[in-house]
């Protein structure tokens, strides 16, 4: 996740989206951010080694080609709410242990 001020947070897990606040977990901490401060969310997919049609060439390895990016800066608050609701619907948070 990238914030409007340029800070980047890695290895986050979605917790919930309520009102205009997005809650994410990073390690043992739960962080909350107003959605108007979120510039970009990126779903980073696990790197896979796939052989292409060319011998000794591989695709999708650590290049980020399979990542899904949501650039929220381009949207108003209402549209951001809709996008985040859809992200949580498509990628629900893992149940609490």
PDB file of N, CA and C in Angstrom:
ATOM      1  N   UNK A   1       0.845  -1.159   0.000  1.00  0.00           N
ATOM      2  CA  UNK A   1       0.000   0.000   0.000  1.00  0.00           C
ATOM      3  C   UNK A   1       0.897   1.231   0.000  1.00  0.00           C
ATOM      4  N   UNK A   2       0.525   2.192  -0.832  1.00  0.00           N
ATOM      5  CA  UNK A   2       1.236   3.454  -0.890  1.00  0.00           C
ATOM      6  C   UNK A   2       0.284   4.564  -0.458  1.00  0.00           C
ATOM      7  N   UNK A   3       0.762   5.428   0.417  1.00  0.00           N
ATOM      8  CA  UNK A   3      -0.041   6.556   0.866  1.00  0.00           C
ATOM      9  C   UNK A   3       0.267   7.785   0.012  1.00  0.00           C
ATOM     10  N   UNK A   4      -0.607   8.780   0.076  1.00  0.00           N
ATOM     11  CA  UNK A   4      -0.423  10.008  -0.701  1.00  0.00           C
ATOM     12  C   UNK A   4       0.888  10.712  -0.395  1.00  0.00           C
ATOM     13  N   UNK A   5       1.403  10.549   0.827  1.00  0.00           N
ATOM     14  CA  UNK A   5       2.655  11.218   1.190  1.00  0.00           C
ATOM     15  C   UNK A   5       3.896  10.426   0.768  1.00  0.00           C
ATOM     16  N   UNK A   6       3.688   9.304   0.063  1.00  0.00           N
ATOM     17  CA  UNK A   6       4.802   8.526  -0.459  1.00  0.00           C
ATOM     18  C   UNK A   6       5.233   7.357   0.404  1.00  0.00           C
ATOM     19  N   UNK A   7       4.701   7.252   1.636  1.00  0.00           N
ATOM     20  CA  UNK A   7       5.066   6.109   2.480  1.00  0.00           C
ATOM     21  C   UNK A   7       4.514   4.823   1.868  1.00  0.00           C
ATOM     22  N   UNK A   8       5.315   3.782   1.942  1.00  0.00           N
ATOM     23  CA  UNK A   8       4.930   2.477   1.405  1.00  0.00           C
ATOM     24  C   UNK A   8       4.928   1.470   2.539  1.00  0.00           C
ATOM     25  N   UNK A   9       3.878   0.672   2.607  1.00  0.00           N
ATOM     26  CA  UNK A   9       3.753  -0.393   3.609  1.00  0.00           C
ATOM     27  C   UNK A   9       3.697  -1.725   2.867  1.00  0.00           C
ATOM     28  N   UNK A  10       4.519  -2.671   3.320  1.00  0.00           N
ATOM     29  CA  UNK A  10       4.615  -3.984   2.684  1.00  0.00           C
ATOM     30  C   UNK A  10       4.042  -5.055   3.591  1.00  0.00           C
ATOM     31  N   UNK A  11       3.750  -6.168   2.983  1.00  0.00           N
ATOM     32  CA  UNK A  11       3.321  -7.374   3.690  1.00  0.00           C
ATOM     33  C   UNK A  11       2.128  -7.099   4.605  1.00  0.00           C
ATOM     34  N   UNK A  12       1.098  -6.533   4.019  1.00  0.00           N
ATOM     35  CA  UNK A  12      -0.123  -6.218   4.744  1.00  0.00           C
ATOM     36  C   UNK A  12      -1.190  -7.249   4.425  1.00  0.00           C
ATOM     37  N   UNK A  13      -2.098  -7.416   5.355  1.00  0.00           N
ATOM     38  CA  UNK A  13      -3.250  -8.290   5.154  1.00  0.00           C
ATOM     39  C   UNK A  13      -4.497  -7.474   5.471  1.00  0.00           C
ATOM     40  N   UNK A  14      -5.459  -7.542   4.562  1.00  0.00           N
ATOM     41  CA  UNK A  14      -6.703  -6.807   4.784  1.00  0.00           C
ATOM     42  C   UNK A  14      -7.413  -7.330   6.018  1.00  0.00           C
ATOM     43  N   UNK A  15      -7.902  -6.423   6.837  1.00  0.00           N
ATOM     44  CA  UNK A  15      -8.665  -6.787   8.025  1.00  0.00           C
ATOM     45  C   UNK A  15     -10.128  -6.414   7.824  1.00  0.00           C
ATOM     46  N   UNK A  16     -10.379  -5.111   7.562  1.00  0.00           N
ATOM     47  CA  UNK A  16     -11.759  -4.678   7.323  1.00  0.00           C
ATOM     48  C   UNK A  16     -11.759  -3.269   6.755  1.00  0.00           C
ATOM     49  N   UNK A  17     -12.924  -2.939   6.237  1.00  0.00           N
ATOM     50  CA  UNK A  17     -13.170  -1.603   5.709  1.00  0.00           C
ATOM     51  C   UNK A  17     -14.486  -1.146   6.307  1.00  0.00           C
ATOM     52  N   UNK A  18     -14.424  -0.094   7.111  1.00  0.00           N
ATOM     53  CA  UNK A  18     -15.612   0.402   7.793  1.00  0.00           C
ATOM     54  C   UNK A  18     -15.623   1.921   7.711  1.00  0.00           C
ATOM     55  N   UNK A  19     -16.780   2.472   7.307  1.00  0.00           N
ATOM     56  CA  UNK A  19     -16.856   3.921   7.151  1.00  0.00           C
ATOM     57  C   UNK A  19     -15.894   4.350   6.064  1.00  0.00           C
ATOM     58  N   UNK A  20     -14.996   5.223   6.388  1.00  0.00           N
ATOM     59  CA  UNK A  20     -13.965   5.661   5.445  1.00  0.00           C
ATOM     60  C   UNK A  20     -12.579   5.262   5.919  1.00  0.00           C
ATOM     61  N   UNK A  21     -12.503   4.165   6.680  1.00  0.00           N
ATOM     62  CA  UNK A  21     -11.235   3.709   7.240  1.00  0.00           C
ATOM     63  C   UNK A  21     -10.931   2.278   6.798  1.00  0.00           C
ATOM     64  N   UNK A  22      -9.725   2.073   6.324  1.00  0.00           N
ATOM     65  CA  UNK A  22      -9.243   0.758   5.932  1.00  0.00           C
ATOM     66  C   UNK A  22      -8.322   0.248   7.022  1.00  0.00           C
ATOM     67  N   UNK A  23      -8.608  -0.939   7.530  1.00  0.00           N
ATOM     68  CA  UNK A  23      -7.759  -1.559   8.556  1.00  0.00           C
ATOM     69  C   UNK A  23      -6.982  -2.705   7.910  1.00  0.00           C
ATOM     70  N   UNK A  24      -5.681  -2.711   8.158  1.00  0.00           N
ATOM     71  CA  UNK A  24      -4.803  -3.756   7.641  1.00  0.00           C
ATOM     72  C   UNK A  24      -3.932  -4.267   8.779  1.00  0.00           C
ATOM     73  N   UNK A  25      -3.437  -5.470   8.618  1.00  0.00           N
ATOM     74  CA  UNK A  25      -2.558  -6.045   9.624  1.00  0.00           C
ATOM     75  C   UNK A  25      -1.167  -6.169   9.042  1.00  0.00           C
ATOM     76  N   UNK A  26      -0.203  -5.758   9.838  1.00  0.00           N
ATOM     77  CA  UNK A  26       1.204  -5.894   9.482  1.00  0.00           C
ATOM     78  C   UNK A  26       1.888  -6.537  10.678  1.00  0.00           C
ATOM     79  N   UNK A  27       2.210  -7.815  10.550  1.00  0.00           N
ATOM     80  CA  UNK A  27       2.773  -8.542  11.681  1.00  0.00           C
ATOM     81  C   UNK A  27       1.758  -8.618  12.803  1.00  0.00           C
ATOM     82  N   UNK A  28       2.144  -8.173  13.986  1.00  0.00           N
ATOM     83  CA  UNK A  28       1.248  -8.186  15.145  1.00  0.00           C
ATOM     84  C   UNK A  28       0.450  -6.895  15.298  1.00  0.00           C
ATOM     85  N   UNK A  29       0.665  -5.931  14.408  1.00  0.00           N
ATOM     86  CA  UNK A  29       0.012  -4.631  14.540  1.00  0.00           C
ATOM     87  C   UNK A  29      -1.149  -4.482  13.561  1.00  0.00           C
ATOM     88  N   UNK A  30      -2.194  -3.821  14.013  1.00  0.00           N
ATOM     89  CA  UNK A  30      -3.290  -3.446  13.135  1.00  0.00           C
ATOM     90  C   UNK A  30      -3.167  -1.955  12.868  1.00  0.00           C
ATOM     91  N   UNK A  31      -3.108  -1.616  11.591  1.00  0.00           N
ATOM     92  CA  UNK A  31      -2.960  -0.220  11.177  1.00  0.00           C
ATOM     93  C   UNK A  31      -4.260   0.230  10.529  1.00  0.00           C
ATOM     94  N   UNK A  32      -4.639   1.481  10.762  1.00  0.00           N
ATOM     95  CA  UNK A  32      -5.860   2.037  10.185  1.00  0.00           C
ATOM     96  C   UNK A  32      -5.515   3.303   9.419  1.00  0.00           C
ATOM     97  N   UNK A  33      -6.096   3.404   8.223  1.00  0.00           N
ATOM     98  CA  UNK A  33      -5.833   4.560   7.377  1.00  0.00           C
ATOM     99  C   UNK A  33      -7.137   5.089   6.801  1.00  0.00           C
ATOM    100  N   UNK A  34      -7.327   6.409   6.820  1.00  0.00           N
ATOM    101  CA  UNK A  34      -8.461   6.984   6.103  1.00  0.00           C
ATOM    102  C   UNK A  34      -8.258   6.724   4.602  1.00  0.00           C
ATOM    103  N   UNK A  35      -9.308   6.309   3.924  1.00  0.00           N
ATOM    104  CA  UNK A  35      -9.133   5.924   2.518  1.00  0.00           C
ATOM    105  C   UNK A  35      -8.756   7.099   1.623  1.00  0.00           C
ATOM    106  N   UNK A  36      -9.003   8.327   2.066  1.00  0.00           N
ATOM    107  CA  UNK A  36      -8.586   9.465   1.249  1.00  0.00           C
ATOM    108  C   UNK A  36      -7.074   9.683   1.301  1.00  0.00           C
ATOM    109  N   UNK A  37      -6.359   8.966   2.178  1.00  0.00           N
ATOM    110  CA  UNK A  37      -4.894   9.040   2.241  1.00  0.00           C
ATOM    111  C   UNK A  37      -4.222   7.913   1.463  1.00  0.00           C
ATOM    112  N   UNK A  38      -5.013   6.938   0.999  1.00  0.00           N
ATOM    113  CA  UNK A  38      -4.449   5.785   0.297  1.00  0.00           C
ATOM    114  C   UNK A  38      -4.335   6.112  -1.192  1.00  0.00           C
ATOM    115  N   UNK A  39      -3.126   6.035  -1.708  1.00  0.00           N
ATOM    116  CA  UNK A  39      -2.871   6.306  -3.115  1.00  0.00           C
ATOM    117  C   UNK A  39      -3.040   5.035  -3.941  1.00  0.00           C
ATOM    118  N   UNK A  40      -2.438   3.942  -3.465  1.00  0.00           N
ATOM    119  CA  UNK A  40      -2.459   2.712  -4.255  1.00  0.00           C
ATOM    120  C   UNK A  40      -2.472   1.487  -3.353  1.00  0.00           C
ATOM    121  N   UNK A  41      -3.262   0.506  -3.749  1.00  0.00           N
ATOM    122  CA  UNK A  41      -3.221  -0.823  -3.139  1.00  0.00           C
ATOM    123  C   UNK A  41      -2.732  -1.776  -4.211  1.00  0.00           C
ATOM    124  N   UNK A  42      -1.877  -2.698  -3.810  1.00  0.00           N
ATOM    125  CA  UNK A  42      -1.333  -3.645  -4.783  1.00  0.00           C
ATOM    126  C   UNK A  42      -1.420  -5.048  -4.206  1.00  0.00           C
ATOM    127  N   UNK A  43      -2.070  -5.917  -4.943  1.00  0.00           N
ATOM    128  CA  UNK A  43      -2.140  -7.326  -4.577  1.00  0.00           C
ATOM    129  C   UNK A  43      -0.956  -8.012  -5.240  1.00  0.00           C
ATOM    130  N   UNK A  44       0.014  -8.382  -4.425  1.00  0.00           N
ATOM    131  CA  UNK A  44       1.228  -9.005  -4.937  1.00  0.00           C
ATOM    132  C   UNK A  44       1.021 -10.510  -4.929  1.00  0.00           C
ATOM    133  N   UNK A  45       1.090 -11.071  -6.086  1.00  0.00           N
ATOM    134  CA  UNK A  45       0.918 -12.525  -6.211  1.00  0.00           C
ATOM    135  C   UNK A  45       2.251 -13.223  -6.001  1.00  0.00           C
ATOM    136  N   UNK A  46       2.163 -14.425  -5.451  1.00  0.00           N
ATOM    137  CA  UNK A  46       3.355 -15.231  -5.245  1.00  0.00           C
ATOM    138  C   UNK A  46       4.036 -15.467  -6.586  1.00  0.00           C
ATOM    139  N   UNK A  47       5.354 -15.282  -6.610  1.00  0.00           N
ATOM    140  CA  UNK A  47       6.107 -15.470  -7.854  1.00  0.00           C
ATOM    141  C   UNK A  47       6.076 -16.936  -8.261  1.00  0.00           C
ATOM    142  N   UNK A  48       5.849 -17.135  -9.533  1.00  0.00           N
ATOM    143  CA  UNK A  48       5.845 -18.487 -10.085  1.00  0.00           C
ATOM    144  C   UNK A  48       6.838 -18.541 -11.228  1.00  0.00           C
ATOM    145  N   UNK A  49       7.490 -19.650 -11.340  1.00  0.00           N
ATOM    146  CA  UNK A  49       8.421 -19.838 -12.439  1.00  0.00           C
ATOM    147  C   UNK A  49       7.696 -20.620 -13.518  1.00  0.00           C
ATOM    148  N   UNK A  50       7.457 -19.939 -14.660  1.00  0.00           N
ATOM    149  CA  UNK A  50       6.765 -20.589 -15.771  1.00  0.00           C
ATOM    150  C   UNK A  50       7.645 -20.514 -17.000  1.00  0.00           C
ATOM    151  N   UNK A  51       7.782 -21.629 -17.654  1.00  0.00           N
ATOM    152  CA  UNK A  51       8.592 -21.648 -18.858  1.00  0.00           C
ATOM    153  C   UNK A  51       7.767 -21.092 -20.018  1.00  0.00           C
ATOM    154  N   UNK A  52       8.404 -20.253 -20.820  1.00  0.00           N
ATOM    155  CA  UNK A  52       7.751 -19.685 -21.990  1.00  0.00           C
ATOM    156  C   UNK A  52       8.036 -20.574 -23.189  1.00  0.00           C
ATOM    157  N   UNK A  53       7.571 -20.126 -24.353  1.00  0.00           N
ATOM    158  CA  UNK A  53       7.779 -20.912 -25.581  1.00  0.00           C
ATOM    159  C   UNK A  53       9.236 -20.944 -26.020  1.00  0.00           C
ATOM    160  N   UNK A  54      10.007 -19.959 -25.561  1.00  0.00           N
ATOM    161  CA  UNK A  54      11.421 -19.929 -25.923  1.00  0.00           C
ATOM    162  C   UNK A  54      12.222 -20.785 -24.949  1.00  0.00           C
ATOM    163  N   UNK A  55      13.137 -21.590 -25.428  1.00  0.00           N
ATOM    164  CA  UNK A  55      13.948 -22.405 -24.530  1.00  0.00           C
ATOM    165  C   UNK A  55      14.747 -21.534 -23.555  1.00  0.00           C
ATOM    166  N   UNK A  56      14.852 -21.989 -22.320  1.00  0.00           N
ATOM    167  CA  UNK A  56      15.618 -21.327 -21.263  1.00  0.00           C
ATOM    168  C   UNK A  56      15.124 -19.920 -20.935  1.00  0.00           C
ATOM    169  N   UNK A  57      13.867 -19.613 -21.227  1.00  0.00           N
ATOM    170  CA  UNK A  57      13.270 -18.320 -20.871  1.00  0.00           C
ATOM    171  C   UNK A  57      12.094 -18.576 -19.946  1.00  0.00           C
ATOM    172  N   UNK A  58      11.951 -17.725 -18.955  1.00  0.00           N
ATOM    173  CA  UNK A  58      10.889 -17.899 -17.974  1.00  0.00           C
ATOM    174  C   UNK A  58      10.095 -16.605 -17.854  1.00  0.00           C
ATOM    175  N   UNK A  59       8.815 -16.748 -17.535  1.00  0.00           N
ATOM    176  CA  UNK A  59       7.954 -15.577 -17.395  1.00  0.00           C
ATOM    177  C   UNK A  59       7.363 -15.507 -16.003  1.00  0.00           C
ATOM    178  N   UNK A  60       6.962 -14.319 -15.579  1.00  0.00           N
ATOM    179  CA  UNK A  60       6.280 -14.141 -14.307  1.00  0.00           C
ATOM    180  C   UNK A  60       7.155 -14.289 -13.079  1.00  0.00           C
ATOM    181  N   UNK A  61       8.452 -14.223 -13.240  1.00  0.00           N
ATOM    182  CA  UNK A  61       9.344 -14.419 -12.103  1.00  0.00           C
ATOM    183  C   UNK A  61       9.771 -13.065 -11.545  1.00  0.00           C
ATOM    184  N   UNK A  62       9.264 -12.710 -10.391  1.00  0.00           N
ATOM    185  CA  UNK A  62       9.646 -11.507  -9.666  1.00  0.00           C
ATOM    186  C   UNK A  62       9.554 -10.227 -10.479  1.00  0.00           C
ATOM    187  N   UNK A  63       8.802 -10.251 -11.545  1.00  0.00           N
ATOM    188  CA  UNK A  63       8.666  -9.059 -12.359  1.00  0.00           C
ATOM    189  C   UNK A  63       7.450  -8.233 -12.014  1.00  0.00           C
ATOM    190  N   UNK A  64       6.562  -8.795 -11.204  1.00  0.00           N
ATOM    191  CA  UNK A  64       5.361  -8.072 -10.834  1.00  0.00           C
ATOM    192  C   UNK A  64       4.305  -8.076 -11.914  1.00  0.00           C
ATOM    193  N   UNK A  65       4.514  -8.838 -12.965  1.00  0.00           N
ATOM    194  CA  UNK A  65       3.561  -8.870 -14.063  1.00  0.00           C
ATOM    195  C   UNK A  65       2.203  -9.423 -13.680  1.00  0.00           C
ATOM    196  N   UNK A  66       2.146 -10.235 -12.651  1.00  0.00           N
ATOM    197  CA  UNK A  66       0.884 -10.829 -12.210  1.00  0.00           C
ATOM    198  C   UNK A  66       0.231 -10.042 -11.078  1.00  0.00           C
ATOM    199  N   UNK A  67       0.870  -8.964 -10.612  1.00  0.00           N
ATOM    200  CA  UNK A  67       0.305  -8.155  -9.534  1.00  0.00           C
ATOM    201  C   UNK A  67      -0.919  -7.397 -10.044  1.00  0.00           C
ATOM    202  N   UNK A  68      -1.825  -7.091  -9.118  1.00  0.00           N
ATOM    203  CA  UNK A  68      -2.999  -6.293  -9.442  1.00  0.00           C
ATOM    204  C   UNK A  68      -2.902  -4.996  -8.656  1.00  0.00           C
ATOM    205  N   UNK A  69      -2.904  -3.862  -9.358  1.00  0.00           N
ATOM    206  CA  UNK A  69      -2.767  -2.564  -8.705  1.00  0.00           C
ATOM    207  C   UNK A  69      -4.080  -1.795  -8.793  1.00  0.00           C
ATOM    208  N   UNK A  70      -4.437  -1.151  -7.696  1.00  0.00           N
ATOM    209  CA  UNK A  70      -5.627  -0.312  -7.631  1.00  0.00           C
ATOM    210  C   UNK A  70      -5.147   1.099  -7.308  1.00  0.00           C
ATOM    211  N   UNK A  71      -5.165   1.976  -8.277  1.00  0.00           N
ATOM    212  CA  UNK A  71      -4.692   3.353  -8.102  1.00  0.00           C
ATOM    213  C   UNK A  71      -5.876   4.212  -7.672  1.00  0.00           C
ATOM    214  N   UNK A  72      -6.024   4.425  -6.373  1.00  0.00           N
ATOM    215  CA  UNK A  72      -7.189   5.099  -5.819  1.00  0.00           C
ATOM    216  C   UNK A  72      -7.142   6.612  -5.965  1.00  0.00           C
ATOM    217  N   UNK A  73      -5.975   7.182  -6.189  1.00  0.00           N
ATOM    218  CA  UNK A  73      -5.837   8.626  -6.305  1.00  0.00           C
ATOM    219  C   UNK A  73      -6.738   9.196  -7.395  1.00  0.00           C
ATOM    220  N   UNK A  74      -7.012   8.409  -8.395  1.00  0.00           N
ATOM    221  CA  UNK A  74      -7.788   8.871  -9.535  1.00  0.00           C
ATOM    222  C   UNK A  74      -9.285   8.961  -9.251  1.00  0.00           C
ATOM    223  N   UNK A  75      -9.723   8.511  -8.063  1.00  0.00           N
ATOM    224  CA  UNK A  75     -11.151   8.406  -7.780  1.00  0.00           C
ATOM    225  C   UNK A  75     -11.560   9.285  -6.603  1.00  0.00           C
ATOM    226  N   UNK A  76     -12.845   9.678  -6.601  1.00  0.00           N
ATOM    227  CA  UNK A  76     -13.372  10.441  -5.473  1.00  0.00           C
ATOM    228  C   UNK A  76     -13.711   9.486  -4.331  1.00  0.00           C
ATOM    229  N   UNK A  77     -14.165  10.031  -3.223  1.00  0.00           N
ATOM    230  CA  UNK A  77     -14.403   9.239  -2.017  1.00  0.00           C
ATOM    231  C   UNK A  77     -15.466   8.157  -2.236  1.00  0.00           C
ATOM    232  N   UNK A  78     -16.539   8.488  -2.920  1.00  0.00           N
ATOM    233  CA  UNK A  78     -17.607   7.506  -3.176  1.00  0.00           C
ATOM    234  C   UNK A  78     -17.082   6.350  -4.023  1.00  0.00           C
ATOM    235  N   UNK A  79     -16.305   6.669  -5.058  1.00  0.00           N
ATOM    236  CA  UNK A  79     -15.747   5.621  -5.914  1.00  0.00           C
ATOM    237  C   UNK A  79     -14.731   4.778  -5.152  1.00  0.00           C
ATOM    238  N   UNK A  80     -13.952   5.399  -4.275  1.00  0.00           N
ATOM    239  CA  UNK A  80     -12.986   4.644  -3.464  1.00  0.00           C
ATOM    240  C   UNK A  80     -13.710   3.635  -2.573  1.00  0.00           C
ATOM    241  N   UNK A  81     -14.814   4.067  -1.963  1.00  0.00           N
ATOM    242  CA  UNK A  81     -15.594   3.140  -1.127  1.00  0.00           C
ATOM    243  C   UNK A  81     -16.048   1.934  -1.936  1.00  0.00           C
ATOM    244  N   UNK A  82     -16.530   2.172  -3.145  1.00  0.00           N
ATOM    245  CA  UNK A  82     -17.018   1.075  -4.000  1.00  0.00           C
ATOM    246  C   UNK A  82     -15.876   0.142  -4.385  1.00  0.00           C
ATOM    247  N   UNK A  83     -14.735   0.706  -4.727  1.00  0.00           N
ATOM    248  CA  UNK A  83     -13.580  -0.108  -5.111  1.00  0.00           C
ATOM    249  C   UNK A  83     -13.110  -0.961  -3.937  1.00  0.00           C
ATOM    250  N   UNK A  84     -12.991  -0.360  -2.754  1.00  0.00           N
ATOM    251  CA  UNK A  84     -12.544  -1.117  -1.583  1.00  0.00           C
ATOM    252  C   UNK A  84     -13.544  -2.191  -1.190  1.00  0.00           C
ATOM    253  N   UNK A  85     -14.828  -1.900  -1.295  1.00  0.00           N
ATOM    254  CA  UNK A  85     -15.843  -2.922  -1.004  1.00  0.00           C
ATOM    255  C   UNK A  85     -15.696  -4.095  -1.967  1.00  0.00           C
ATOM    256  N   UNK A  86     -15.434  -3.810  -3.230  1.00  0.00           N
ATOM    257  CA  UNK A  86     -15.259  -4.883  -4.214  1.00  0.00           C
ATOM    258  C   UNK A  86     -13.983  -5.676  -3.957  1.00  0.00           C
ATOM    259  N   UNK A  87     -12.901  -4.986  -3.576  1.00  0.00           N
ATOM    260  CA  UNK A  87     -11.642  -5.684  -3.268  1.00  0.00           C
ATOM    261  C   UNK A  87     -11.864  -6.656  -2.117  1.00  0.00           C
ATOM    262  N   UNK A  88     -12.540  -6.206  -1.055  1.00  0.00           N
ATOM    263  CA  UNK A  88     -12.787  -7.080   0.092  1.00  0.00           C
ATOM    264  C   UNK A  88     -13.741  -8.219  -0.263  1.00  0.00           C
ATOM    265  N   UNK A  89     -14.642  -7.984  -1.183  1.00  0.00           N
ATOM    266  CA  UNK A  89     -15.539  -9.059  -1.626  1.00  0.00           C
ATOM    267  C   UNK A  89     -14.750 -10.103  -2.419  1.00  0.00           C
ATOM    268  N   UNK A  90     -13.871  -9.630  -3.307  1.00  0.00           N
ATOM    269  CA  UNK A  90     -13.075 -10.536  -4.144  1.00  0.00           C
ATOM    270  C   UNK A  90     -11.938 -11.214  -3.391  1.00  0.00           C
ATOM    271  N   UNK A  91     -11.420 -10.540  -2.362  1.00  0.00           N
ATOM    272  CA  UNK A  91     -10.280 -11.061  -1.593  1.00  0.00           C
ATOM    273  C   UNK A  91     -10.601 -10.907  -0.100  1.00  0.00           C
ATOM    274  N   UNK A  92     -11.526 -11.716   0.417  1.00  0.00           N
ATOM    275  CA  UNK A  92     -11.931 -11.556   1.820  1.00  0.00           C
ATOM    276  C   UNK A  92     -10.767 -11.797   2.782  1.00  0.00           C
ATOM    277  N   UNK A  93     -10.777 -11.072   3.902  1.00  0.00           N
ATOM    278  CA  UNK A  93      -9.726 -11.270   4.895  1.00  0.00           C
ATOM    279  C   UNK A  93      -9.754 -12.693   5.444  1.00  0.00           C
ATOM    280  N   UNK A  94      -8.589 -13.191   5.801  1.00  0.00           N
ATOM    281  CA  UNK A  94      -8.496 -14.513   6.413  1.00  0.00           C
ATOM    282  C   UNK A  94      -9.179 -14.475   7.780  1.00  0.00           C
ATOM    283  N   UNK A  95      -9.844 -15.553   8.165  1.00  0.00           N
ATOM    284  CA  UNK A  95     -10.486 -15.576   9.492  1.00  0.00           C
ATOM    285  C   UNK A  95      -9.458 -15.455  10.599  1.00  0.00           C
ATOM    286  N   UNK A  96      -9.852 -14.827  11.686  1.00  0.00           N
ATOM    287  CA  UNK A  96      -8.977 -14.688  12.857  1.00  0.00           C
ATOM    288  C   UNK A  96      -8.715 -16.058  13.458  1.00  0.00           C
ATOM    289  N   UNK A  97      -7.481 -16.276  13.959  1.00  0.00           N
ATOM    290  CA  UNK A  97      -7.160 -17.594  14.543  1.00  0.00           C
ATOM    291  C   UNK A  97      -7.881 -17.859  15.839  1.00  0.00           C
TER     292      UNK A  97
END
